[in-house]
């Protein structure tokens, strides 16, 4: 992939990955809301932060290529 230039297939792949990351983020939030174990909470928080970094990176890739980010950033 060339920075600043994406093929339609690359754009679609990034958007698909964004949808997967958003779904994962929703699941982690749900698990965090029902978990009472501090160790589990800690792992889930780390996963949430890592997922947010993924979402930010993917949105940046789209922005760098001149597309509007399609997913929300939390």
Protein backbone atom coordinates (compact mmCIF):
# COMPACT_ATOMS: atom_id res chain seq x y z
CA UNK A 1 0.00 0.00 0.00
CA UNK A 2 1.27 3.45 -0.90
CA UNK A 3 0.88 6.09 1.79
CA UNK A 4 -1.55 8.76 0.67
CA UNK A 5 -3.03 6.51 -1.99
CA UNK A 6 -5.37 3.59 -1.47
CA UNK A 7 -7.00 1.31 -3.96
CA UNK A 8 -10.71 0.69 -3.55
CA UNK A 9 -9.92 -2.81 -2.25
CA UNK A 10 -7.53 -1.41 0.39
CA UNK A 11 -10.12 1.17 1.44
CA UNK A 12 -12.78 -1.53 1.78
CA UNK A 13 -10.40 -3.75 3.77
CA UNK A 14 -9.63 -0.90 6.18
CA UNK A 15 -13.32 -0.12 6.59
CA UNK A 16 -14.05 -3.79 7.27
CA UNK A 17 -11.31 -3.89 9.90
CA UNK A 18 -12.72 -0.72 11.47
CA UNK A 19 -16.12 -2.41 11.79
CA UNK A 20 -14.48 -5.42 13.43
CA UNK A 21 -12.55 -3.20 15.86
CA UNK A 22 -15.72 -1.27 16.75
CA UNK A 23 -17.57 -4.52 17.45
CA UNK A 24 -14.70 -5.72 19.59
CA UNK A 25 -14.74 -2.42 21.51
CA UNK A 26 -18.46 -2.82 22.21
CA UNK A 27 -17.92 -6.35 23.49
CA UNK A 28 -15.05 -5.26 25.75
CA UNK A 29 -17.23 -2.48 27.19
CA UNK A 30 -20.00 -4.99 27.87
CA UNK A 31 -17.60 -7.40 29.57
CA UNK A 32 -16.17 -4.55 31.64
CA UNK A 33 -19.66 -3.61 32.79
CA UNK A 34 -20.38 -7.10 34.13
CA UNK A 35 -16.97 -8.05 35.50
CA UNK A 36 -16.22 -7.46 39.16
CA UNK A 37 -12.75 -9.05 39.22
CA UNK A 38 -10.03 -6.36 39.32
CA UNK A 39 -7.58 -8.56 37.38
CA UNK A 40 -10.14 -9.15 34.63
CA UNK A 41 -11.02 -5.44 34.64
CA UNK A 42 -7.34 -4.60 34.17
CA UNK A 43 -6.96 -6.96 31.20
CA UNK A 44 -10.15 -5.64 29.62
CA UNK A 45 -8.97 -2.05 30.07
CA UNK A 46 -5.71 -2.90 28.31
CA UNK A 47 -7.69 -4.49 25.47
CA UNK A 48 -9.91 -1.42 25.21
CA UNK A 49 -6.88 0.87 24.96
CA UNK A 50 -5.21 -1.35 22.36
CA UNK A 51 -8.41 -1.48 20.32
CA UNK A 52 -8.71 2.31 20.42
CA UNK A 53 -5.15 2.60 19.11
CA UNK A 54 -6.09 0.26 16.25
CA UNK A 55 -9.17 2.34 15.44
CA UNK A 56 -7.14 5.56 15.49
CA UNK A 57 -4.47 4.06 13.23
CA UNK A 58 -7.02 2.80 10.71
CA UNK A 59 -8.86 6.13 10.69
CA UNK A 60 -5.53 7.92 10.16
CA UNK A 61 -4.81 5.68 7.18
CA UNK A 62 -8.13 6.67 5.65
CA UNK A 63 -7.59 10.36 6.39
CA UNK A 64 -4.08 10.29 4.93
CA UNK A 65 -5.56 8.87 1.73
CA UNK A 66 -8.16 11.64 1.59
CA UNK A 67 -11.16 9.71 2.89
CA UNK A 68 -13.35 10.63 5.80
CA UNK A 69 -13.13 8.29 8.79
CA UNK A 70 -16.18 6.06 8.74
CA UNK A 71 -16.16 4.92 12.34
CA UNK A 72 -16.40 6.85 15.58
CA UNK A 73 -13.50 7.24 17.92
CA UNK A 74 -14.29 6.82 21.62
